Structures are given as structure tokens and as C-alpha cells.
Amino acid sequence: AGSVEPFYRGEIGRLIGAAFKRNGGLVTAADMAAYRAREVDPLHLEWNGYDVFTAPLTAGGATVLEILKILDALDWLGLPDGAAKTHARLEAQRIAWHDRLTRFGDPDFVEVPLDRLLSDAYAAEQAERVRRAVQKRQPVDVAAAPRSHGGTCHISGADRDGNLLAMTLTHGGGFGAQVTVEGLGLILGQ
């Protein structure tokens, strides 16, 4: 049809709303019809001569930017290859994932200290924690509730002309709601 109209305000939207209703879900055909995409500015970081862009919250790309900021504060690219460099990278990831699990949310509903988490000062503080952990050959002291199962698959690709592709599918460990919209093959999320 050359547009999103059938998906949100046409037959596809009605089929999705009916599947939710049949299975006790909350989304209705009216909810589908009322949806309007919002244009947002991406988050941006310059790192190692590259421009890194990601969607803003509620997407999780800010986690990657936080990791890169910590690694930059560590002068990670200048570190000699080996176990200590790998340990430093892992600890930067653990810190950023802890922040994601304990501080991120939908900024329309919760205050997320994203400016602080992506600041040079915070990156320097976390880099020092990583340095101490690597020196002691211990993990950084961060704890977040474990998750019993995953549910996100991602693939990235690039071609020789510089075209980039990133695709992420998150349905939860139980493969979403385990409901397929009849006639569409579309699996509903949890």
C-alpha cells in the first residue's frame, strides 16, 4: 500500500486488535488506530574517529554509548592487548549494564540521569573503578537481579558502499506472548 495505514488503521490493525482481545491482551484496534510515530533525535557520540548514533531511550543504545565513554576514559585503545584489556572491557560493560537495569526507563514516566551517565566526569569515575578491579584481578562491585532467560536477537551488517543495517527483535524468553495473529504470521510481544 506504500504506507503504514493498513498496519495501524486498516485490516492489519483490526486483526492485531482482535488477536489481543481473543487472548486477554490490552491492545485494541482503537489503540492501533490512535498510534502515531514520533520523530526523535538520535543520541550521538564521537569515538575513535567514528560517529556513533543510536535511538534515544527507551531503546538500549545508550548502554553502548556509556560503555564507549568508559573505555575512552580508560584509554582502552592504547592499552596493550591481553587479559587486562579484556578484563577492562568486560568491567565497563558490567557497569553500563548495571546502570541500564537500575536507572533506565521510559523518560516520559521516570527521570533517567542520562546526561550524567554519558558525561566525561561519570566515565572518569567508572574508569577508575575498572582500573582498580583490573589491578586487583577482581570484578567491579555491581549487582543487579539476575534474569532467568533472554529473549533478544540482534544482527548488524554493512556493505562496501557504507550502507548499514541493524535489526533487533525482543520477545522475551518465552518467545513473546506465544500468540500468532491468524493470517499474518505476526507474533505478539509480552
N, C-alpha and C. Protein backbone atom coordinates (compact mmCIF):
# COMPACT_ATOMS: atom_id res chain seq x y z
N ALA A 1 0.82 -1.21 0.00
CA ALA A 1 0.00 0.00 0.00
C ALA A 1 0.85 1.26 0.00
N GLY A 2 2.18 1.13 0.19
CA GLY A 2 3.04 2.30 0.17
C GLY A 2 2.96 3.16 1.41
N SER A 3 2.33 2.66 2.48
CA SER A 3 2.23 3.44 3.72
C SER A 3 2.00 2.50 4.90
N VAL A 4 1.98 3.08 6.09
CA VAL A 4 1.72 2.30 7.30
C VAL A 4 0.24 2.24 7.63
N GLU A 5 -0.57 2.90 6.84
CA GLU A 5 -2.01 2.98 7.15
C GLU A 5 -2.67 1.62 7.36
N PRO A 6 -2.46 0.62 6.48
CA PRO A 6 -3.12 -0.67 6.71
C PRO A 6 -2.68 -1.35 8.01
N PHE A 7 -1.43 -1.11 8.39
CA PHE A 7 -0.93 -1.74 9.60
C PHE A 7 -1.62 -1.17 10.83
N TYR A 8 -1.70 0.14 10.92
CA TYR A 8 -2.25 0.76 12.13
C TYR A 8 -3.76 1.02 12.03
N ARG A 9 -4.23 1.46 10.90
CA ARG A 9 -5.62 1.90 10.80
C ARG A 9 -6.45 1.11 9.79
N GLY A 10 -5.93 -0.01 9.35
CA GLY A 10 -6.64 -0.82 8.37
C GLY A 10 -6.86 -2.23 8.87
N GLU A 11 -6.94 -3.15 7.93
CA GLU A 11 -7.26 -4.54 8.25
C GLU A 11 -6.21 -5.19 9.15
N ILE A 12 -4.95 -4.90 8.93
CA ILE A 12 -3.91 -5.50 9.77
C ILE A 12 -4.08 -5.05 11.22
N GLY A 13 -4.31 -3.77 11.44
CA GLY A 13 -4.54 -3.25 12.78
C GLY A 13 -5.76 -3.89 13.44
N ARG A 14 -6.81 -4.10 12.68
CA ARG A 14 -8.01 -4.75 13.23
C ARG A 14 -7.72 -6.21 13.60
N LEU A 15 -6.96 -6.92 12.75
CA LEU A 15 -6.61 -8.31 13.06
C LEU A 15 -5.73 -8.40 14.32
N ILE A 16 -4.79 -7.48 14.46
CA ILE A 16 -3.94 -7.46 15.65
C ILE A 16 -4.78 -7.18 16.89
N GLY A 17 -5.64 -6.19 16.84
CA GLY A 17 -6.52 -5.88 17.97
C GLY A 17 -7.41 -7.06 18.34
N ALA A 18 -7.93 -7.78 17.34
CA ALA A 18 -8.78 -8.95 17.59
C ALA A 18 -7.98 -10.07 18.24
N ALA A 19 -6.73 -10.27 17.83
CA ALA A 19 -5.90 -11.31 18.43
C ALA A 19 -5.61 -11.00 19.89
N PHE A 20 -5.33 -9.74 20.19
CA PHE A 20 -5.13 -9.36 21.59
C PHE A 20 -6.41 -9.64 22.39
N LYS A 21 -7.54 -9.24 21.86
CA LYS A 21 -8.81 -9.42 22.58
C LYS A 21 -9.08 -10.90 22.85
N ARG A 22 -8.91 -11.75 21.84
CA ARG A 22 -9.15 -13.19 21.99
C ARG A 22 -8.27 -13.80 23.07
N ASN A 23 -7.11 -13.22 23.28
CA ASN A 23 -6.14 -13.80 24.21
C ASN A 23 -5.99 -13.00 25.50
N GLY A 24 -6.94 -12.13 25.78
CA GLY A 24 -6.93 -11.39 27.04
C GLY A 24 -5.92 -10.25 27.09
N GLY A 25 -5.45 -9.81 25.94
CA GLY A 25 -4.47 -8.72 25.90
C GLY A 25 -5.11 -7.36 26.09
N LEU A 26 -4.27 -6.34 26.17
CA LEU A 26 -4.74 -4.99 26.46
C LEU A 26 -4.87 -4.10 25.23
N VAL A 27 -4.15 -4.40 24.15
CA VAL A 27 -4.13 -3.56 22.96
C VAL A 27 -5.40 -3.79 22.15
N THR A 28 -6.02 -2.70 21.75
CA THR A 28 -7.26 -2.78 20.95
C THR A 28 -7.01 -2.25 19.54
N ALA A 29 -7.97 -2.48 18.66
CA ALA A 29 -7.88 -1.92 17.31
C ALA A 29 -7.88 -0.39 17.39
N ALA A 30 -8.60 0.17 18.36
CA ALA A 30 -8.61 1.63 18.55
C ALA A 30 -7.23 2.12 18.97
N ASP A 31 -6.53 1.35 19.82
CA ASP A 31 -5.16 1.71 20.20
C ASP A 31 -4.25 1.73 18.97
N MET A 32 -4.40 0.70 18.13
CA MET A 32 -3.60 0.63 16.91
C MET A 32 -3.86 1.86 16.04
N ALA A 33 -5.13 2.21 15.87
CA ALA A 33 -5.51 3.34 15.01
C ALA A 33 -5.01 4.67 15.57
N ALA A 34 -4.92 4.77 16.89
CA ALA A 34 -4.51 6.03 17.53
C ALA A 34 -2.99 6.23 17.50
N TYR A 35 -2.25 5.17 17.21
CA TYR A 35 -0.79 5.28 17.26
C TYR A 35 -0.27 6.25 16.21
N ARG A 36 0.68 7.08 16.62
CA ARG A 36 1.37 7.98 15.71
C ARG A 36 2.86 7.92 16.04
N ALA A 37 3.68 7.70 15.05
CA ALA A 37 5.13 7.67 15.25
C ALA A 37 5.61 9.06 15.63
N ARG A 38 6.64 9.11 16.47
CA ARG A 38 7.26 10.38 16.83
C ARG A 38 8.65 10.43 16.24
N GLU A 39 9.00 11.54 15.66
CA GLU A 39 10.36 11.72 15.17
C GLU A 39 11.20 12.22 16.33
N VAL A 40 12.32 11.53 16.59
CA VAL A 40 13.18 11.89 17.71
C VAL A 40 14.61 12.05 17.21
N ASP A 41 15.38 12.81 17.95
CA ASP A 41 16.79 12.98 17.62
C ASP A 41 17.57 11.81 18.19
N PRO A 42 18.52 11.28 17.43
CA PRO A 42 19.33 10.17 17.94
C PRO A 42 20.33 10.67 18.98
N LEU A 43 20.78 9.75 19.81
CA LEU A 43 21.93 10.04 20.67
C LEU A 43 23.17 9.89 19.80
N HIS A 44 24.21 10.67 20.11
CA HIS A 44 25.40 10.69 19.26
C HIS A 44 26.64 10.73 20.13
N LEU A 45 27.66 10.02 19.69
CA LEU A 45 28.95 10.03 20.34
C LEU A 45 30.02 9.92 19.27
N GLU A 46 31.05 10.73 19.38
CA GLU A 46 32.23 10.58 18.51
C GLU A 46 33.20 9.68 19.26
N TRP A 47 33.62 8.58 18.61
CA TRP A 47 34.52 7.64 19.27
C TRP A 47 35.51 7.09 18.26
N ASN A 48 36.79 7.29 18.55
CA ASN A 48 37.86 6.74 17.73
C ASN A 48 37.71 7.13 16.25
N GLY A 49 37.31 8.36 16.01
CA GLY A 49 37.18 8.85 14.64
C GLY A 49 35.86 8.47 13.96
N TYR A 50 34.96 7.86 14.69
CA TYR A 50 33.66 7.45 14.14
C TYR A 50 32.54 8.20 14.83
N ASP A 51 31.47 8.41 14.09
CA ASP A 51 30.24 8.95 14.67
C ASP A 51 29.35 7.77 14.98
N VAL A 52 28.99 7.61 16.25
CA VAL A 52 28.12 6.52 16.69
C VAL A 52 26.76 7.13 17.02
N PHE A 53 25.72 6.67 16.35
CA PHE A 53 24.36 7.15 16.57
C PHE A 53 23.51 5.99 17.07
N THR A 54 22.57 6.29 17.94
CA THR A 54 21.62 5.28 18.40
C THR A 54 20.31 5.96 18.75
N ALA A 55 19.26 5.19 18.72
CA ALA A 55 17.95 5.72 19.12
C ALA A 55 17.99 6.09 20.60
N PRO A 56 17.24 7.12 20.98
CA PRO A 56 17.21 7.50 22.40
C PRO A 56 16.39 6.49 23.22
N LEU A 57 16.37 6.70 24.53
CA LEU A 57 15.55 5.85 25.37
C LEU A 57 14.11 5.88 24.87
N THR A 58 13.44 4.81 24.84
CA THR A 58 13.58 3.62 25.64
C THR A 58 14.46 2.55 24.99
N ALA A 59 14.99 2.81 23.84
CA ALA A 59 15.93 1.88 23.21
C ALA A 59 17.18 1.78 24.08
N GLY A 60 17.91 0.70 23.96
CA GLY A 60 19.04 0.45 24.84
C GLY A 60 20.39 0.90 24.33
N GLY A 61 20.44 1.64 23.22
CA GLY A 61 21.73 2.04 22.66
C GLY A 61 22.55 2.94 23.57
N ALA A 62 21.91 3.62 24.52
CA ALA A 62 22.66 4.45 25.45
C ALA A 62 23.64 3.60 26.26
N THR A 63 23.32 2.33 26.44
CA THR A 63 24.22 1.41 27.14
C THR A 63 25.55 1.31 26.38
N VAL A 64 25.47 1.20 25.07
CA VAL A 64 26.68 1.11 24.24
C VAL A 64 27.48 2.41 24.35
N LEU A 65 26.79 3.54 24.31
CA LEU A 65 27.49 4.82 24.42
C LEU A 65 28.18 4.95 25.76
N GLU A 66 27.52 4.50 26.83
CA GLU A 66 28.15 4.56 28.16
C GLU A 66 29.39 3.69 28.20
N ILE A 67 29.31 2.50 27.63
CA ILE A 67 30.49 1.61 27.58
C ILE A 67 31.63 2.30 26.84
N LEU A 68 31.34 2.88 25.69
CA LEU A 68 32.38 3.55 24.91
C LEU A 68 32.98 4.73 25.67
N LYS A 69 32.16 5.47 26.40
CA LYS A 69 32.68 6.60 27.19
C LYS A 69 33.65 6.10 28.26
N ILE A 70 33.29 5.01 28.95
CA ILE A 70 34.17 4.46 29.98
C ILE A 70 35.47 3.96 29.34
N LEU A 71 35.35 3.25 28.23
CA LEU A 71 36.55 2.74 27.55
C LEU A 71 37.45 3.89 27.10
N ASP A 72 36.85 4.96 26.62
CA ASP A 72 37.63 6.13 26.20
C ASP A 72 38.36 6.73 27.39
N ALA A 73 37.68 6.82 28.53
CA ALA A 73 38.31 7.36 29.74
C ALA A 73 39.45 6.47 30.22
N LEU A 74 39.39 5.19 29.88
CA LEU A 74 40.47 4.24 30.22
C LEU A 74 41.62 4.29 29.23
N ASP A 75 41.47 5.05 28.13
CA ASP A 75 42.40 4.99 27.01
C ASP A 75 42.54 3.54 26.55
N TRP A 76 41.39 2.89 26.41
CA TRP A 76 41.32 1.47 26.09
C TRP A 76 42.05 1.13 24.80
N LEU A 77 41.95 1.99 23.80
CA LEU A 77 42.64 1.70 22.54
C LEU A 77 44.15 1.69 22.69
N GLY A 78 44.65 2.40 23.70
CA GLY A 78 46.09 2.44 23.92
C GLY A 78 46.61 1.34 24.83
N LEU A 79 45.70 0.59 25.43
CA LEU A 79 46.13 -0.48 26.32
C LEU A 79 46.72 -1.64 25.52
N PRO A 80 47.72 -2.29 26.06
CA PRO A 80 48.27 -3.46 25.35
C PRO A 80 47.25 -4.59 25.33
N ASP A 81 47.22 -5.33 24.23
CA ASP A 81 46.33 -6.47 24.13
C ASP A 81 46.68 -7.49 25.20
N GLY A 82 45.66 -8.17 25.68
CA GLY A 82 45.89 -9.20 26.69
C GLY A 82 44.73 -9.28 27.65
N ALA A 83 44.94 -10.08 28.68
CA ALA A 83 43.88 -10.36 29.64
C ALA A 83 43.40 -9.10 30.36
N ALA A 84 44.32 -8.20 30.70
CA ALA A 84 43.92 -6.98 31.43
C ALA A 84 43.02 -6.10 30.57
N LYS A 85 43.31 -6.01 29.28
CA LYS A 85 42.48 -5.19 28.39
C LYS A 85 41.09 -5.82 28.25
N THR A 86 41.04 -7.13 28.11
CA THR A 86 39.76 -7.82 28.02
C THR A 86 38.98 -7.65 29.31
N HIS A 87 39.66 -7.77 30.45
CA HIS A 87 39.02 -7.58 31.75
C HIS A 87 38.44 -6.17 31.84
N ALA A 88 39.19 -5.17 31.41
CA ALA A 88 38.72 -3.78 31.46
C ALA A 88 37.45 -3.61 30.62
N ARG A 89 37.44 -4.19 29.43
CA ARG A 89 36.25 -4.08 28.57
C ARG A 89 35.04 -4.72 29.25
N LEU A 90 35.23 -5.90 29.81
CA LEU A 90 34.13 -6.60 30.47
C LEU A 90 33.59 -5.82 31.66
N GLU A 91 34.47 -5.22 32.43
CA GLU A 91 34.01 -4.45 33.60
C GLU A 91 33.27 -3.18 33.17
N ALA A 92 33.72 -2.53 32.10
CA ALA A 92 32.98 -1.37 31.58
C ALA A 92 31.58 -1.80 31.14
N GLN A 93 31.48 -2.96 30.52
CA GLN A 93 30.17 -3.47 30.11
C GLN A 93 29.30 -3.79 31.32
N ARG A 94 29.88 -4.39 32.34
CA ARG A 94 29.11 -4.73 33.53
C ARG A 94 28.56 -3.48 34.20
N ILE A 95 29.36 -2.42 34.29
CA ILE A 95 28.91 -1.16 34.90
C ILE A 95 27.76 -0.58 34.10
N ALA A 96 27.92 -0.51 32.79
CA ALA A 96 26.88 0.08 31.95
C ALA A 96 25.59 -0.75 32.00
N TRP A 97 25.71 -2.08 32.02
CA TRP A 97 24.52 -2.93 32.11
C TRP A 97 23.83 -2.76 33.46
N HIS A 98 24.62 -2.60 34.50
CA HIS A 98 24.02 -2.34 35.82
C HIS A 98 23.22 -1.04 35.77
N ASP A 99 23.82 -0.01 35.20
CA ASP A 99 23.10 1.27 35.08
C ASP A 99 21.84 1.12 34.25
N ARG A 100 21.92 0.36 33.18
CA ARG A 100 20.74 0.14 32.33
C ARG A 100 19.62 -0.54 33.13
N LEU A 101 19.98 -1.57 33.88
CA LEU A 101 18.96 -2.33 34.61
C LEU A 101 18.42 -1.59 35.82
N THR A 102 19.17 -0.65 36.37
CA THR A 102 18.73 0.03 37.58
C THR A 102 18.31 1.48 37.37
N ARG A 103 18.69 2.09 36.24
CA ARG A 103 18.41 3.52 36.06
C ARG A 103 17.63 3.87 34.80
N PHE A 104 17.64 2.99 33.82
CA PHE A 104 16.95 3.31 32.57
C PHE A 104 15.46 3.04 32.69
N GLY A 105 14.71 3.77 31.90
CA GLY A 105 13.26 3.60 31.83
C GLY A 105 12.73 4.53 30.75
N ASP A 106 11.43 4.59 30.65
CA ASP A 106 10.80 5.47 29.68
C ASP A 106 10.82 6.89 30.23
N PRO A 107 11.58 7.80 29.59
CA PRO A 107 11.71 9.16 30.12
C PRO A 107 10.39 9.93 30.17
N ASP A 108 9.34 9.41 29.53
CA ASP A 108 8.02 10.04 29.68
C ASP A 108 7.42 9.75 31.05
N PHE A 109 7.99 8.76 31.75
CA PHE A 109 7.40 8.35 33.03
C PHE A 109 8.38 8.36 34.20
N VAL A 110 9.67 8.26 33.94
CA VAL A 110 10.67 8.27 35.01
C VAL A 110 11.81 9.19 34.62
N GLU A 111 12.48 9.71 35.64
CA GLU A 111 13.63 10.57 35.39
C GLU A 111 14.87 9.69 35.22
N VAL A 112 15.48 9.76 34.07
CA VAL A 112 16.67 8.98 33.77
C VAL A 112 17.85 9.95 33.71
N PRO A 113 18.89 9.72 34.54
CA PRO A 113 20.03 10.66 34.57
C PRO A 113 20.99 10.44 33.40
N LEU A 114 20.46 10.45 32.19
CA LEU A 114 21.25 10.10 31.02
C LEU A 114 22.42 11.06 30.79
N ASP A 115 22.19 12.35 31.00
CA ASP A 115 23.29 13.31 30.81
C ASP A 115 24.46 12.97 31.74
N ARG A 116 24.15 12.61 32.97
CA ARG A 116 25.21 12.24 33.92
C ARG A 116 25.87 10.94 33.49
N LEU A 117 25.07 9.92 33.12
CA LEU A 117 25.63 8.62 32.75
C LEU A 117 26.53 8.70 31.52
N LEU A 118 26.30 9.68 30.67
CA LEU A 118 27.11 9.84 29.45
C LEU A 118 28.12 10.98 29.57
N SER A 119 28.30 11.48 30.78
CA SER A 119 29.23 12.61 30.96
C SER A 119 30.67 12.13 31.08
N ASP A 120 31.59 13.04 30.77
CA ASP A 120 33.01 12.74 30.91
C ASP A 120 33.36 12.45 32.37
N ALA A 121 32.75 13.21 33.30
CA ALA A 121 33.04 13.03 34.73
C ALA A 121 32.64 11.64 35.20
N TYR A 122 31.45 11.20 34.80
CA TYR A 122 30.98 9.87 35.21
C TYR A 122 31.85 8.78 34.58
N ALA A 123 32.21 8.97 33.32
CA ALA A 123 33.07 7.99 32.64
C ALA A 123 34.41 7.89 33.36
N ALA A 124 34.96 9.02 33.80
CA ALA A 124 36.23 9.01 34.52
C ALA A 124 36.09 8.27 35.86
N GLU A 125 34.99 8.50 36.58
CA GLU A 125 34.75 7.79 37.84
C GLU A 125 34.68 6.28 37.62
N GLN A 126 33.96 5.89 36.59
CA GLN A 126 33.80 4.46 36.32
C GLN A 126 35.09 3.84 35.80
N ALA A 127 35.85 4.61 35.03
CA ALA A 127 37.13 4.11 34.54
C ALA A 127 38.06 3.82 35.71
N GLU A 128 38.01 4.67 36.73
CA GLU A 128 38.85 4.43 37.92
C GLU A 128 38.41 3.15 38.63
N ARG A 129 37.11 2.90 38.71
CA ARG A 129 36.63 1.65 39.30
C ARG A 129 37.13 0.44 38.50
N VAL A 130 37.12 0.58 37.18
CA VAL A 130 37.59 -0.50 36.31
C VAL A 130 39.08 -0.72 36.54
N ARG A 131 39.86 0.36 36.59
CA ARG A 131 41.31 0.24 36.81
C ARG A 131 41.60 -0.53 38.11
N ARG A 132 40.89 -0.15 39.19
CA ARG A 132 41.11 -0.84 40.48
C ARG A 132 40.75 -2.31 40.38
N ALA A 133 39.64 -2.62 39.70
CA ALA A 133 39.21 -4.01 39.56
C ALA A 133 40.23 -4.83 38.77
N VAL A 134 40.75 -4.25 37.70
CA VAL A 134 41.74 -4.95 36.88
C VAL A 134 43.03 -5.16 37.68
N GLN A 135 43.42 -4.12 38.42
CA GLN A 135 44.63 -4.22 39.24
C GLN A 135 44.50 -5.35 40.27
N LYS A 136 43.32 -5.46 40.89
CA LYS A 136 43.08 -6.49 41.92
C LYS A 136 42.69 -7.84 41.31
N ARG A 137 42.49 -7.84 39.98
CA ARG A 137 42.01 -9.04 39.30
C ARG A 137 40.70 -9.54 39.90
N GLN A 138 39.82 -8.57 40.14
CA GLN A 138 38.50 -8.82 40.72
C GLN A 138 37.44 -8.12 39.87
N PRO A 139 36.20 -8.56 39.94
CA PRO A 139 35.13 -7.83 39.24
C PRO A 139 34.77 -6.55 39.99
N VAL A 140 34.25 -5.59 39.25
CA VAL A 140 33.71 -4.38 39.86
C VAL A 140 32.50 -4.80 40.69
N ASP A 141 32.33 -4.14 41.83
CA ASP A 141 31.23 -4.48 42.72
C ASP A 141 29.93 -3.85 42.20
N VAL A 142 29.25 -4.55 41.33
CA VAL A 142 27.92 -4.16 40.87
C VAL A 142 27.03 -5.40 40.94
N ALA A 143 25.79 -5.18 41.29
CA ALA A 143 24.87 -6.31 41.37
C ALA A 143 23.52 -5.86 40.82
N ALA A 144 22.95 -6.69 40.01
CA ALA A 144 21.60 -6.46 39.51
C ALA A 144 20.90 -7.81 39.56
N ALA A 145 19.60 -7.76 39.70
CA ALA A 145 18.83 -9.01 39.79
C ALA A 145 19.07 -9.82 38.51
N PRO A 146 19.42 -11.09 38.68
CA PRO A 146 19.64 -11.93 37.50
C PRO A 146 18.34 -12.16 36.74
N ARG A 147 18.47 -12.37 35.46
CA ARG A 147 17.32 -12.68 34.62
C ARG A 147 17.41 -14.14 34.24
N SER A 148 16.28 -14.82 34.37
CA SER A 148 16.31 -16.26 34.16
C SER A 148 16.40 -16.64 32.69
N HIS A 149 16.03 -15.74 31.80
CA HIS A 149 16.11 -16.07 30.38
C HIS A 149 16.19 -14.79 29.56
N GLY A 150 16.71 -14.95 28.36
CA GLY A 150 16.90 -13.81 27.46
C GLY A 150 15.68 -13.60 26.61
N GLY A 151 15.90 -13.26 25.40
CA GLY A 151 14.78 -13.05 24.51
C GLY A 151 15.03 -12.01 23.44
N THR A 152 16.25 -11.53 23.32
CA THR A 152 16.57 -10.54 22.30
C THR A 152 17.57 -11.12 21.33
N CYS A 153 17.30 -10.95 20.05
CA CYS A 153 18.22 -11.34 18.98
C CYS A 153 18.56 -10.07 18.20
N HIS A 154 19.81 -9.95 17.79
CA HIS A 154 20.22 -8.77 17.03
C HIS A 154 21.20 -9.18 15.94
N ILE A 155 21.11 -8.47 14.84
CA ILE A 155 22.07 -8.66 13.75
C ILE A 155 22.40 -7.28 13.17
N SER A 156 23.65 -7.07 12.87
CA SER A 156 24.10 -5.83 12.22
C SER A 156 24.85 -6.21 10.96
N GLY A 157 24.80 -5.35 9.98
CA GLY A 157 25.52 -5.61 8.74
C GLY A 157 25.92 -4.32 8.06
N ALA A 158 26.92 -4.41 7.22
CA ALA A 158 27.37 -3.26 6.45
C ALA A 158 27.86 -3.78 5.11
N ASP A 159 27.72 -2.95 4.08
CA ASP A 159 28.25 -3.35 2.78
C ASP A 159 29.38 -2.42 2.36
N ARG A 160 30.00 -2.72 1.25
CA ARG A 160 31.17 -1.96 0.81
C ARG A 160 30.84 -0.51 0.45
N ASP A 161 29.55 -0.20 0.25
CA ASP A 161 29.15 1.16 -0.09
C ASP A 161 28.84 2.00 1.14
N GLY A 162 29.00 1.40 2.33
CA GLY A 162 28.75 2.15 3.56
C GLY A 162 27.32 2.08 4.06
N ASN A 163 26.49 1.26 3.42
CA ASN A 163 25.12 1.09 3.91
C ASN A 163 25.17 0.22 5.16
N LEU A 164 24.39 0.62 6.17
CA LEU A 164 24.37 -0.09 7.44
C LEU A 164 22.97 -0.61 7.73
N LEU A 165 22.90 -1.72 8.41
CA LEU A 165 21.63 -2.31 8.81
C LEU A 165 21.76 -2.79 10.23
N ALA A 166 20.75 -2.50 11.06
CA ALA A 166 20.69 -3.04 12.42
C ALA A 166 19.26 -3.49 12.65
N MET A 167 19.10 -4.73 13.06
CA MET A 167 17.78 -5.30 13.31
C MET A 167 17.79 -5.95 14.67
N THR A 168 16.81 -5.61 15.51
CA THR A 168 16.70 -6.20 16.83
C THR A 168 15.27 -6.69 17.03
N LEU A 169 15.14 -7.88 17.56
CA LEU A 169 13.84 -8.46 17.88
C LEU A 169 13.87 -8.90 19.33
N THR A 170 12.96 -8.36 20.12
CA THR A 170 12.85 -8.75 21.52
C THR A 170 11.45 -9.25 21.79
N HIS A 171 11.36 -10.50 22.20
CA HIS A 171 10.06 -11.09 22.51
C HIS A 171 10.03 -11.73 23.89
N GLY A 172 11.09 -11.65 24.63
CA GLY A 172 11.13 -12.32 25.93
C GLY A 172 11.48 -13.78 25.75
N GLY A 173 11.92 -14.39 26.85
CA GLY A 173 12.41 -15.75 26.80
C GLY A 173 11.38 -16.78 26.41
N GLY A 174 10.10 -16.50 26.66
CA GLY A 174 9.06 -17.46 26.30
C GLY A 174 8.56 -17.26 24.89
N PHE A 175 9.34 -16.60 24.05
CA PHE A 175 9.00 -16.28 22.67
C PHE A 175 7.73 -15.44 22.61
N GLY A 176 7.77 -14.32 23.33
CA GLY A 176 6.67 -13.39 23.32
C GLY A 176 5.46 -13.94 24.05
N ALA A 177 4.32 -13.52 23.61
CA ALA A 177 3.07 -13.96 24.23
C ALA A 177 2.67 -15.35 23.73
N GLN A 178 3.44 -15.89 22.82
CA GLN A 178 3.16 -17.19 22.20
C GLN A 178 1.81 -17.17 21.49
N VAL A 179 1.50 -16.01 20.93
CA VAL A 179 0.26 -15.83 20.17
C VAL A 179 0.63 -15.32 18.78
N THR A 180 0.16 -16.01 17.77
CA THR A 180 0.38 -15.58 16.39
C THR A 180 -0.94 -15.04 15.86
N VAL A 181 -0.89 -13.86 15.23
CA VAL A 181 -2.09 -13.27 14.65
C VAL A 181 -2.47 -14.09 13.42
N GLU A 182 -3.66 -14.66 13.46
CA GLU A 182 -4.12 -15.52 12.36
C GLU A 182 -4.04 -14.80 11.02
N GLY A 183 -3.49 -15.50 10.05
CA GLY A 183 -3.41 -14.98 8.70
C GLY A 183 -2.23 -14.05 8.45
N LEU A 184 -1.54 -13.67 9.51
CA LEU A 184 -0.42 -12.71 9.35
C LEU A 184 0.94 -13.32 9.67
N GLY A 185 0.98 -14.32 10.56
CA GLY A 185 2.25 -14.87 10.99
C GLY A 185 2.99 -13.93 11.92
N LEU A 186 2.32 -12.88 12.43
CA LEU A 186 2.91 -11.91 13.33
C LEU A 186 2.78 -12.43 14.76
N ILE A 187 3.89 -12.48 15.48
CA ILE A 187 3.90 -12.95 16.86
C ILE A 187 3.80 -11.75 17.79
N LEU A 188 2.83 -11.79 18.71
CA LEU A 188 2.63 -10.70 19.64
C LEU A 188 3.68 -10.75 20.75
N GLY A 189 4.13 -9.58 21.18
CA GLY A 189 5.08 -9.49 22.29
C GLY A 189 4.37 -9.70 23.61
N GLN A 190 5.15 -9.75 24.68
CA GLN A 190 4.56 -9.98 26.01
C GLN A 190 4.02 -8.69 26.56
